[in-house]
């Protein structure tokens, strides 16, 4: 994911970020799956989990990596992860910020 693109993301519902500050790695993995981001085998058993654009991709190609989710996430890191998912959705034009909130269970 292009760090410059992520830095340009301005959240329309930024006031909701307090509701994601205590999420666990498994919550982020579940959200990624809902957003059709492929989680590499063994997800959640190590210190981090990787989400890719598609299942049949070359994992050595960093362009295919969407997100890396650490086991222990601070509130600021969680906001950054959220922005990464929003940026990827905008880049691919396949989901919105609200879709990410919904995938994380913040919006219904």
N, C-alpha and C. Protein backbone atom coordinates (compact mmCIF):
# COMPACT_ATOMS: atom_id res chain seq x y z
N UNK A 1 0.85 -1.18 0.00
CA UNK A 1 0.00 0.00 0.00
C UNK A 1 0.89 1.23 0.00
N UNK A 2 0.55 2.17 -0.82
CA UNK A 2 1.31 3.39 -0.97
C UNK A 2 1.11 4.28 0.28
N UNK A 3 2.18 4.51 1.02
CA UNK A 3 2.11 5.29 2.25
C UNK A 3 1.64 6.72 1.98
N UNK A 4 2.00 7.25 0.82
CA UNK A 4 1.58 8.61 0.48
C UNK A 4 0.06 8.68 0.32
N UNK A 5 -0.51 7.68 -0.33
CA UNK A 5 -1.96 7.63 -0.50
C UNK A 5 -2.65 7.52 0.85
N UNK A 6 -2.13 6.67 1.73
CA UNK A 6 -2.71 6.50 3.06
C UNK A 6 -2.67 7.82 3.83
N UNK A 7 -1.57 8.56 3.72
CA UNK A 7 -1.45 9.82 4.44
C UNK A 7 -2.44 10.87 3.96
N UNK A 8 -2.94 10.72 2.74
CA UNK A 8 -3.90 11.68 2.19
C UNK A 8 -5.35 11.39 2.60
N UNK A 9 -5.58 10.24 3.19
CA UNK A 9 -6.94 9.85 3.57
C UNK A 9 -7.43 10.72 4.72
N UNK A 10 -8.54 11.37 4.51
CA UNK A 10 -9.23 12.14 5.54
C UNK A 10 -10.54 11.41 5.83
N UNK A 11 -10.69 10.97 7.07
CA UNK A 11 -11.86 10.18 7.43
C UNK A 11 -13.10 11.05 7.58
N UNK A 12 -14.18 10.65 6.92
CA UNK A 12 -15.44 11.37 7.03
C UNK A 12 -16.08 11.16 8.40
N UNK A 13 -15.82 10.01 8.99
CA UNK A 13 -16.38 9.67 10.31
C UNK A 13 -15.25 9.46 11.32
N UNK A 14 -14.30 10.37 11.32
CA UNK A 14 -13.15 10.26 12.21
C UNK A 14 -13.52 10.18 13.68
N UNK A 15 -14.68 10.72 14.03
CA UNK A 15 -15.13 10.68 15.42
C UNK A 15 -15.38 9.24 15.90
N UNK A 16 -15.48 8.30 14.97
CA UNK A 16 -15.72 6.90 15.35
C UNK A 16 -14.44 6.14 15.70
N UNK A 17 -13.28 6.75 15.49
CA UNK A 17 -12.03 6.02 15.72
C UNK A 17 -11.88 5.56 17.17
N UNK A 18 -12.49 6.23 18.10
CA UNK A 18 -12.41 5.79 19.50
C UNK A 18 -13.02 4.40 19.68
N UNK A 19 -13.93 4.03 18.78
CA UNK A 19 -14.60 2.74 18.89
C UNK A 19 -13.75 1.58 18.35
N UNK A 20 -12.63 1.87 17.74
CA UNK A 20 -11.78 0.80 17.23
C UNK A 20 -10.47 0.67 18.01
N UNK A 21 -10.31 1.47 19.04
CA UNK A 21 -9.02 1.50 19.74
C UNK A 21 -8.68 0.23 20.51
N UNK A 22 -9.66 -0.60 20.81
CA UNK A 22 -9.40 -1.83 21.57
C UNK A 22 -9.61 -3.10 20.75
N UNK A 23 -9.64 -2.98 19.44
CA UNK A 23 -9.83 -4.17 18.61
C UNK A 23 -8.61 -5.07 18.68
N UNK A 24 -8.85 -6.33 18.47
CA UNK A 24 -7.79 -7.34 18.47
C UNK A 24 -7.43 -7.69 17.03
N UNK A 25 -6.31 -8.37 16.87
CA UNK A 25 -5.87 -8.81 15.56
C UNK A 25 -6.96 -9.61 14.86
N UNK A 26 -7.65 -10.49 15.58
CA UNK A 26 -8.68 -11.32 14.98
C UNK A 26 -9.84 -10.49 14.43
N UNK A 27 -10.13 -9.34 15.06
CA UNK A 27 -11.19 -8.45 14.57
C UNK A 27 -10.80 -7.85 13.22
N UNK A 28 -9.53 -7.48 13.09
CA UNK A 28 -9.04 -6.92 11.83
C UNK A 28 -9.01 -7.98 10.74
N UNK A 29 -8.63 -9.20 11.09
CA UNK A 29 -8.61 -10.30 10.12
C UNK A 29 -10.02 -10.55 9.61
N UNK A 30 -10.97 -10.59 10.51
CA UNK A 30 -12.38 -10.82 10.14
C UNK A 30 -12.87 -9.70 9.20
N UNK A 31 -12.52 -8.47 9.51
CA UNK A 31 -12.92 -7.33 8.67
C UNK A 31 -12.29 -7.44 7.28
N UNK A 32 -11.02 -7.80 7.23
CA UNK A 32 -10.34 -7.95 5.94
C UNK A 32 -11.04 -8.99 5.08
N UNK A 33 -11.41 -10.08 5.68
CA UNK A 33 -12.10 -11.14 4.94
C UNK A 33 -13.42 -10.63 4.39
N UNK A 34 -14.14 -9.83 5.17
CA UNK A 34 -15.40 -9.25 4.71
C UNK A 34 -15.18 -8.31 3.53
N UNK A 35 -14.01 -7.69 3.48
CA UNK A 35 -13.67 -6.75 2.40
C UNK A 35 -12.97 -7.43 1.24
N UNK A 36 -12.96 -8.76 1.24
CA UNK A 36 -12.35 -9.58 0.19
C UNK A 36 -10.84 -9.38 0.06
N UNK A 37 -10.20 -9.18 1.20
CA UNK A 37 -8.74 -9.15 1.25
C UNK A 37 -8.32 -10.53 1.72
N UNK A 38 -7.45 -11.16 0.96
CA UNK A 38 -7.06 -12.53 1.26
C UNK A 38 -6.02 -12.54 2.38
N UNK A 39 -6.30 -13.32 3.42
CA UNK A 39 -5.40 -13.45 4.56
C UNK A 39 -4.56 -14.70 4.36
N UNK A 40 -3.25 -14.55 4.46
CA UNK A 40 -2.33 -15.66 4.25
C UNK A 40 -2.57 -16.76 5.28
N UNK A 41 -2.34 -18.01 4.89
CA UNK A 41 -2.49 -19.15 5.78
C UNK A 41 -1.72 -18.94 7.07
N UNK A 42 -2.28 -19.46 8.15
CA UNK A 42 -1.62 -19.33 9.45
C UNK A 42 -1.90 -18.01 10.11
N UNK A 43 -2.84 -17.25 9.54
CA UNK A 43 -3.15 -15.93 10.07
C UNK A 43 -3.50 -15.94 11.55
N UNK A 44 -2.82 -15.09 12.30
CA UNK A 44 -3.12 -14.92 13.70
C UNK A 44 -2.31 -15.80 14.63
N UNK A 45 -1.50 -16.70 14.09
CA UNK A 45 -0.73 -17.60 14.95
C UNK A 45 0.67 -17.07 15.22
N UNK A 46 1.09 -16.10 14.48
CA UNK A 46 2.42 -15.52 14.69
C UNK A 46 2.27 -14.12 15.26
N UNK A 47 3.31 -13.33 15.10
CA UNK A 47 3.26 -11.97 15.63
C UNK A 47 2.50 -11.02 14.72
N UNK A 48 2.32 -11.41 13.47
CA UNK A 48 1.57 -10.57 12.53
C UNK A 48 0.90 -11.44 11.47
N UNK A 49 -0.06 -10.82 10.80
CA UNK A 49 -0.82 -11.46 9.73
C UNK A 49 -0.75 -10.54 8.53
N UNK A 50 -0.67 -11.12 7.34
CA UNK A 50 -0.61 -10.32 6.12
C UNK A 50 -1.88 -10.52 5.29
N UNK A 51 -2.39 -9.41 4.75
CA UNK A 51 -3.53 -9.44 3.85
C UNK A 51 -3.09 -9.02 2.47
N UNK A 52 -3.52 -9.80 1.47
CA UNK A 52 -3.10 -9.57 0.09
C UNK A 52 -4.29 -9.27 -0.81
N UNK A 53 -3.99 -8.71 -1.97
CA UNK A 53 -5.01 -8.36 -2.95
C UNK A 53 -5.76 -9.57 -3.46
N UNK A 54 -5.09 -10.70 -3.57
CA UNK A 54 -5.73 -11.92 -4.07
C UNK A 54 -4.99 -13.14 -3.57
N UNK A 55 -5.67 -14.27 -3.61
CA UNK A 55 -5.12 -15.51 -3.08
C UNK A 55 -3.94 -16.01 -3.91
N UNK A 56 -4.12 -16.02 -5.21
CA UNK A 56 -3.08 -16.57 -6.08
C UNK A 56 -2.10 -15.48 -6.50
N UNK A 57 -1.39 -14.94 -5.52
CA UNK A 57 -0.44 -13.88 -5.82
C UNK A 57 0.95 -14.29 -5.35
N UNK A 58 1.92 -13.60 -5.87
CA UNK A 58 3.29 -13.80 -5.45
C UNK A 58 3.51 -12.98 -4.18
N UNK A 59 3.58 -13.66 -3.04
CA UNK A 59 3.72 -12.95 -1.77
C UNK A 59 5.03 -12.18 -1.67
N UNK A 60 6.00 -12.55 -2.47
CA UNK A 60 7.29 -11.84 -2.47
C UNK A 60 7.15 -10.46 -3.13
N UNK A 61 6.09 -10.28 -3.93
CA UNK A 61 5.84 -9.01 -4.60
C UNK A 61 5.10 -8.09 -3.62
N UNK A 62 5.79 -7.10 -3.09
CA UNK A 62 5.19 -6.22 -2.09
C UNK A 62 4.01 -5.42 -2.64
N UNK A 63 3.89 -5.31 -3.95
CA UNK A 63 2.74 -4.60 -4.54
C UNK A 63 1.43 -5.33 -4.27
N UNK A 64 1.51 -6.61 -3.95
CA UNK A 64 0.30 -7.40 -3.69
C UNK A 64 -0.15 -7.29 -2.23
N UNK A 65 0.71 -6.78 -1.36
CA UNK A 65 0.40 -6.65 0.06
C UNK A 65 -0.54 -5.47 0.29
N UNK A 66 -1.63 -5.72 1.00
CA UNK A 66 -2.57 -4.65 1.34
C UNK A 66 -2.32 -4.15 2.75
N UNK A 67 -2.15 -5.09 3.69
CA UNK A 67 -2.05 -4.72 5.10
C UNK A 67 -1.30 -5.78 5.88
N UNK A 68 -0.56 -5.33 6.87
CA UNK A 68 0.08 -6.22 7.84
C UNK A 68 -0.52 -5.86 9.19
N UNK A 69 -1.03 -6.86 9.88
CA UNK A 69 -1.71 -6.63 11.16
C UNK A 69 -0.90 -7.29 12.27
N UNK A 70 -0.37 -6.48 13.15
CA UNK A 70 0.40 -6.99 14.28
C UNK A 70 -0.53 -7.61 15.32
N UNK A 71 0.04 -8.42 16.19
CA UNK A 71 -0.73 -9.06 17.24
C UNK A 71 -1.19 -8.02 18.27
N UNK A 72 -0.32 -7.11 18.65
CA UNK A 72 -0.66 -6.09 19.65
C UNK A 72 -0.70 -4.73 18.96
N UNK A 73 -1.88 -4.14 18.96
CA UNK A 73 -2.09 -2.89 18.24
C UNK A 73 -2.41 -1.75 19.20
N UNK A 74 -1.69 -0.65 19.08
CA UNK A 74 -2.00 0.54 19.87
C UNK A 74 -3.13 1.29 19.17
N UNK A 75 -3.82 2.18 19.89
CA UNK A 75 -4.90 2.95 19.26
C UNK A 75 -4.46 3.72 18.01
N UNK A 76 -3.27 4.33 18.03
CA UNK A 76 -2.81 5.08 16.85
C UNK A 76 -2.55 4.16 15.67
N UNK A 77 -2.01 2.99 15.94
CA UNK A 77 -1.76 2.02 14.87
C UNK A 77 -3.08 1.55 14.28
N UNK A 78 -4.09 1.39 15.11
CA UNK A 78 -5.39 0.94 14.61
C UNK A 78 -5.99 1.97 13.66
N UNK A 79 -5.82 3.24 13.97
CA UNK A 79 -6.30 4.28 13.05
C UNK A 79 -5.55 4.21 11.73
N UNK A 80 -4.25 3.97 11.79
CA UNK A 80 -3.45 3.83 10.57
C UNK A 80 -3.92 2.62 9.75
N UNK A 81 -4.21 1.52 10.41
CA UNK A 81 -4.69 0.31 9.72
C UNK A 81 -6.03 0.61 9.05
N UNK A 82 -6.88 1.32 9.75
CA UNK A 82 -8.17 1.70 9.19
C UNK A 82 -7.97 2.52 7.91
N UNK A 83 -7.08 3.49 7.98
CA UNK A 83 -6.81 4.33 6.81
C UNK A 83 -6.23 3.51 5.66
N UNK A 84 -5.41 2.52 5.97
CA UNK A 84 -4.87 1.64 4.93
C UNK A 84 -6.00 0.92 4.20
N UNK A 85 -6.96 0.41 4.95
CA UNK A 85 -8.08 -0.30 4.33
C UNK A 85 -8.93 0.65 3.49
N UNK A 86 -9.17 1.85 3.99
CA UNK A 86 -9.94 2.84 3.23
C UNK A 86 -9.20 3.22 1.95
N UNK A 87 -7.90 3.44 2.07
CA UNK A 87 -7.10 3.82 0.89
C UNK A 87 -7.14 2.71 -0.16
N UNK A 88 -7.03 1.46 0.27
CA UNK A 88 -7.08 0.34 -0.67
C UNK A 88 -8.45 0.28 -1.34
N UNK A 89 -9.51 0.47 -0.59
CA UNK A 89 -10.86 0.47 -1.17
C UNK A 89 -11.04 1.57 -2.20
N UNK A 90 -10.51 2.75 -1.90
CA UNK A 90 -10.60 3.87 -2.84
C UNK A 90 -9.74 3.62 -4.08
N UNK A 91 -8.55 3.09 -3.84
CA UNK A 91 -7.63 2.81 -4.94
C UNK A 91 -8.25 1.82 -5.93
N UNK A 92 -8.87 0.80 -5.42
CA UNK A 92 -9.49 -0.24 -6.25
C UNK A 92 -10.94 0.07 -6.61
N UNK A 93 -11.49 1.10 -6.00
CA UNK A 93 -12.88 1.51 -6.21
C UNK A 93 -13.84 0.33 -5.97
N UNK A 94 -13.59 -0.41 -4.87
CA UNK A 94 -14.46 -1.55 -4.60
C UNK A 94 -15.15 -1.50 -3.24
N UNK A 95 -14.79 -0.56 -2.38
CA UNK A 95 -15.56 -0.35 -1.15
C UNK A 95 -15.23 1.02 -0.58
N UNK A 96 -16.08 1.49 0.34
CA UNK A 96 -15.98 2.84 0.89
C UNK A 96 -15.53 2.82 2.35
N UNK A 97 -15.35 4.00 2.90
CA UNK A 97 -15.04 4.12 4.33
C UNK A 97 -16.13 3.48 5.17
N UNK A 98 -17.39 3.73 4.82
CA UNK A 98 -18.49 3.14 5.58
C UNK A 98 -18.45 1.61 5.54
N UNK A 99 -18.02 1.05 4.42
CA UNK A 99 -17.89 -0.41 4.33
C UNK A 99 -16.87 -0.94 5.32
N UNK A 100 -15.79 -0.19 5.54
CA UNK A 100 -14.77 -0.60 6.51
C UNK A 100 -15.34 -0.50 7.92
N UNK A 101 -16.06 0.58 8.22
CA UNK A 101 -16.70 0.70 9.54
C UNK A 101 -17.65 -0.47 9.77
N UNK A 102 -18.40 -0.83 8.75
CA UNK A 102 -19.34 -1.95 8.87
C UNK A 102 -18.60 -3.27 9.06
N UNK A 103 -17.53 -3.47 8.32
CA UNK A 103 -16.75 -4.72 8.43
C UNK A 103 -16.19 -4.87 9.85
N UNK A 104 -15.86 -3.75 10.49
CA UNK A 104 -15.34 -3.79 11.85
C UNK A 104 -16.45 -3.81 12.91
N UNK A 105 -17.71 -3.72 12.46
CA UNK A 105 -18.84 -3.78 13.39
C UNK A 105 -19.16 -2.48 14.09
N UNK A 106 -18.62 -1.37 13.59
CA UNK A 106 -18.89 -0.06 14.21
C UNK A 106 -20.20 0.50 13.68
N UNK A 107 -20.43 0.38 12.39
CA UNK A 107 -21.69 0.81 11.77
C UNK A 107 -22.50 -0.43 11.40
N UNK A 108 -23.77 -0.29 11.42
CA UNK A 108 -24.66 -1.39 11.02
C UNK A 108 -25.16 -1.19 9.62
